[in-house]
Amino acid sequence: MIELILMQRVEKLGQMGDRVTVKPGFARNFLLPQGKAMRATKENLERFSQQRAQLEAQNLKRREEAERIAERVTGLSVVLIRQAGESGSLYGSVSGRDIADACKASGGLTIERSQVLLDHPIKTLGLTNVRVELHPEVHITVVVNVARSQEEAERQARGEEAVREEEPSLEDELRAELGAAMDDR
């Protein structure tokens, strides 16, 4: 385990200035390269305590700017046109990069793909709420409308069901008939 000082708020870990103990891989591969933390050595602790007021002021300025952007783009909705099967399953998937590109194309928000917080890629048609991190303390929700055509996207936005239930297959019909025949005995 490695002890670090957080340089900014990290979700599910701590606030700026907190001393945390994390696994070496998390520190080496994520926190340290992205400047979110630094090793908790005696020199770094002294340097952090001297720069703390300045770092907090910079963080406050960035957070206020992110809050202004969040107010401006509240309720942002993007439409992604994708090919999908009759059941509504996409032939590919929608990733964070696709959502970031769509936000930029809509002219409403310029973000990086790392700011899009997707638990897993979107693999079905429909409306999905996606969290976007503008600042470690400021998040917004973007509605992602995945459809096969612009008309279908408009129907989904109105709340209509875009994917119709599939008609029962021949196999399902035979099972139903077989079940009925067995019940008649």
Protein backbone atom coordinates (compact mmCIF):
# COMPACT_ATOMS: atom_id res chain seq x y z
CA MET A 1 0.00 0.00 0.00
CA ILE A 2 1.15 3.53 -0.79
CA GLU A 3 0.31 6.69 1.15
CA LEU A 4 -0.61 9.72 -0.95
CA ILE A 5 -1.84 13.29 -0.54
CA LEU A 6 -4.85 14.11 -2.75
CA MET A 7 -4.39 17.23 -4.88
CA GLN A 8 -8.10 17.33 -5.77
CA ARG A 9 -11.30 15.58 -4.82
CA VAL A 10 -11.41 11.97 -6.02
CA GLU A 11 -14.81 10.29 -5.96
CA LYS A 12 -15.08 7.46 -3.43
CA LEU A 13 -11.61 8.26 -2.06
CA GLY A 14 -11.42 11.71 -0.46
CA GLN A 15 -11.14 15.50 -0.64
CA MET A 16 -8.20 17.74 -1.51
CA GLY A 17 -5.50 17.51 1.15
CA ASP A 18 -6.59 14.13 2.53
CA ARG A 19 -3.88 11.56 3.19
CA VAL A 20 -5.03 8.26 1.75
CA THR A 21 -3.57 4.79 1.45
CA VAL A 22 -4.16 3.06 -1.88
CA LYS A 23 -2.88 0.06 -3.77
CA PRO A 24 0.33 0.66 -5.75
CA GLY A 25 -1.29 0.06 -9.14
CA PHE A 26 -4.07 2.63 -8.54
CA ALA A 27 -1.45 5.19 -7.51
CA ARG A 28 1.01 4.38 -10.29
CA ASN A 29 -1.50 4.06 -13.13
CA PHE A 30 -4.17 6.63 -12.28
CA LEU A 31 -3.65 9.07 -9.40
CA LEU A 32 0.00 10.05 -9.93
CA PRO A 33 0.07 10.38 -13.76
CA GLN A 34 -3.09 12.49 -13.80
CA GLY A 35 -1.81 14.80 -11.07
CA LYS A 36 -4.67 13.90 -8.73
CA ALA A 37 -2.27 12.98 -5.92
CA MET A 38 1.36 13.04 -4.86
CA ARG A 39 3.40 10.79 -2.61
CA ALA A 40 3.12 11.62 1.09
CA THR A 41 6.82 12.26 1.72
CA LYS A 42 8.02 14.77 4.29
CA GLU A 43 9.07 17.25 1.56
CA ASN A 44 5.74 16.92 -0.31
CA LEU A 45 3.75 17.40 2.91
CA GLU A 46 5.64 20.65 3.62
CA ARG A 47 5.25 21.87 0.04
CA PHE A 48 1.54 21.03 0.05
CA SER A 49 0.93 22.86 3.33
CA GLN A 50 2.65 25.97 1.89
CA GLN A 51 0.67 25.84 -1.38
CA ARG A 52 -2.66 24.70 0.10
CA ALA A 53 -4.34 28.13 0.07
CA GLN A 54 -3.28 28.75 -3.52
CA LEU A 55 -4.43 25.27 -4.64
CA GLU A 56 -7.79 25.70 -2.89
CA ALA A 57 -8.30 29.09 -4.58
CA GLN A 58 -7.54 27.58 -8.00
CA ASN A 59 -9.89 24.69 -7.29
CA LEU A 60 -12.67 27.08 -6.22
CA LYS A 61 -12.23 29.12 -9.43
CA ARG A 62 -12.39 25.99 -11.62
CA ARG A 63 -15.45 24.73 -9.71
CA GLU A 64 -17.31 28.04 -10.14
CA GLU A 65 -16.54 27.98 -13.88
CA ALA A 66 -17.82 24.39 -14.10
CA GLU A 67 -21.00 25.38 -12.23
CA ARG A 68 -21.64 28.20 -14.73
CA ILE A 69 -21.22 25.74 -17.61
CA ALA A 70 -23.51 23.25 -15.86
CA GLU A 71 -26.25 25.89 -15.56
CA ARG A 72 -25.89 26.74 -19.24
CA VAL A 73 -26.18 23.15 -20.49
CA THR A 74 -28.75 21.80 -18.02
CA GLY A 75 -31.06 19.36 -19.81
CA LEU A 76 -28.63 18.69 -22.67
CA SER A 77 -29.81 15.86 -24.89
CA VAL A 78 -27.86 14.30 -27.74
CA VAL A 79 -29.06 11.96 -30.48
CA LEU A 80 -26.91 9.10 -31.77
CA ILE A 81 -28.04 7.22 -34.87
CA ARG A 82 -26.92 3.58 -34.85
CA GLN A 83 -27.84 0.37 -36.62
CA ALA A 84 -29.75 -2.13 -34.51
CA GLY A 85 -31.67 -5.37 -34.78
CA GLU A 86 -35.44 -5.69 -34.53
CA SER A 87 -35.22 -6.37 -30.78
CA GLY A 88 -33.44 -3.05 -30.19
CA SER A 89 -29.96 -4.45 -29.60
CA LEU A 90 -27.23 -2.38 -31.22
CA TYR A 91 -24.83 -4.03 -33.64
CA GLY A 92 -22.04 -2.13 -31.89
CA SER A 93 -22.13 -0.09 -28.72
CA VAL A 94 -22.08 3.55 -27.68
CA SER A 95 -18.96 4.49 -25.74
CA GLY A 96 -17.84 7.55 -23.80
CA ARG A 97 -16.00 8.82 -26.86
CA ASP A 98 -19.20 8.71 -28.95
CA ILE A 99 -21.07 10.69 -26.30
CA ALA A 100 -18.25 13.28 -25.97
CA ASP A 101 -18.18 13.71 -29.77
CA ALA A 102 -21.97 14.11 -29.88
CA CYS A 103 -21.86 16.76 -27.13
CA LYS A 104 -19.22 18.68 -29.10
CA ALA A 105 -21.19 18.34 -32.36
CA SER A 106 -24.37 19.64 -30.72
CA GLY A 107 -22.45 22.81 -29.91
CA GLY A 108 -23.54 22.73 -26.30
CA LEU A 109 -20.59 21.25 -24.47
CA THR A 110 -16.93 20.51 -25.19
CA ILE A 111 -15.78 17.61 -23.03
CA GLU A 112 -13.21 14.84 -23.10
CA ARG A 113 -14.20 11.19 -23.19
CA SER A 114 -12.69 10.69 -19.72
CA GLN A 115 -15.29 13.11 -18.34
CA VAL A 116 -18.14 10.83 -19.47
CA LEU A 117 -18.87 8.46 -16.58
CA LEU A 118 -20.31 5.29 -18.13
CA ASP A 119 -20.51 2.16 -16.00
CA HIS A 120 -20.80 0.07 -19.15
CA PRO A 121 -21.26 0.82 -22.87
CA ILE A 122 -24.79 1.44 -24.11
CA LYS A 123 -25.90 -1.56 -26.19
CA THR A 124 -29.63 -0.95 -26.72
CA LEU A 125 -31.85 1.63 -28.35
CA GLY A 126 -33.61 4.15 -26.16
CA LEU A 127 -32.97 7.03 -23.79
CA THR A 128 -30.13 6.74 -21.29
CA ASN A 129 -29.08 9.23 -18.61
CA VAL A 130 -25.29 9.58 -18.53
CA ARG A 131 -23.27 11.45 -15.89
CA VAL A 132 -20.65 13.89 -17.12
CA GLU A 133 -17.98 15.23 -14.76
CA LEU A 134 -17.23 18.89 -15.50
CA HIS A 135 -15.16 19.18 -12.31
CA PRO A 136 -14.49 16.64 -9.55
CA GLU A 137 -17.27 18.34 -7.55
CA VAL A 138 -19.65 19.26 -10.42
CA HIS A 139 -21.59 16.64 -12.40
CA ILE A 140 -24.38 17.03 -14.95
CA THR A 141 -26.72 14.53 -16.57
CA VAL A 142 -26.83 14.26 -20.36
CA VAL A 143 -29.71 12.38 -21.97
CA VAL A 144 -28.38 10.12 -24.73
CA ASN A 145 -31.05 9.18 -27.28
CA VAL A 146 -29.88 6.14 -29.29
CA ALA A 147 -32.08 5.42 -32.29
CA ARG A 148 -32.01 3.92 -35.80
CA SER A 149 -33.23 7.12 -37.49
CA GLN A 150 -33.95 10.75 -36.70
CA GLU A 151 -37.71 10.03 -36.80
CA GLU A 152 -37.32 7.21 -34.29
CA ALA A 153 -35.24 9.49 -32.04
CA GLU A 154 -38.03 12.08 -32.11
CA ARG A 155 -40.61 9.41 -31.17
CA GLN A 156 -38.42 8.22 -28.29
CA ALA A 157 -37.97 11.81 -27.08
CA ARG A 158 -41.77 12.17 -26.97
CA GLY A 159 -41.94 9.03 -24.85
CA GLU A 160 -43.24 6.59 -27.46
CA GLU A 161 -41.87 3.06 -27.52
CA ALA A 162 -39.47 2.77 -30.47
CA VAL A 163 -38.84 -0.96 -30.21
CA ARG A 164 -41.90 -3.04 -30.86
CA GLU A 165 -42.28 -6.46 -29.33
CA GLU A 166 -41.22 -9.19 -31.70
CA GLU A 167 -43.91 -11.44 -33.05
CA PRO A 168 -43.80 -14.90 -31.54
CA SER A 169 -41.48 -17.18 -33.47
CA LEU A 170 -42.60 -20.49 -34.98
CA GLU A 171 -40.76 -22.26 -32.17
CA ASP A 172 -42.72 -20.32 -29.51
CA GLU A 173 -46.01 -21.12 -31.27
CA LEU A 174 -45.14 -24.84 -31.40
CA ARG A 175 -44.26 -24.83 -27.70
CA ALA A 176 -47.60 -23.20 -26.90
CA GLU A 177 -49.49 -25.77 -29.00
CA LEU A 178 -47.54 -28.65 -27.44
CA GLY A 179 -48.27 -27.28 -23.93
CA ALA A 180 -51.98 -27.01 -24.78
CA ALA A 181 -52.02 -30.55 -26.18
CA MET A 182 -50.35 -31.90 -23.02
CA ASP A 183 -52.90 -30.08 -20.84
CA ASP A 184 -55.80 -31.66 -22.78
CA ARG A 185 -54.74 -35.18 -21.80
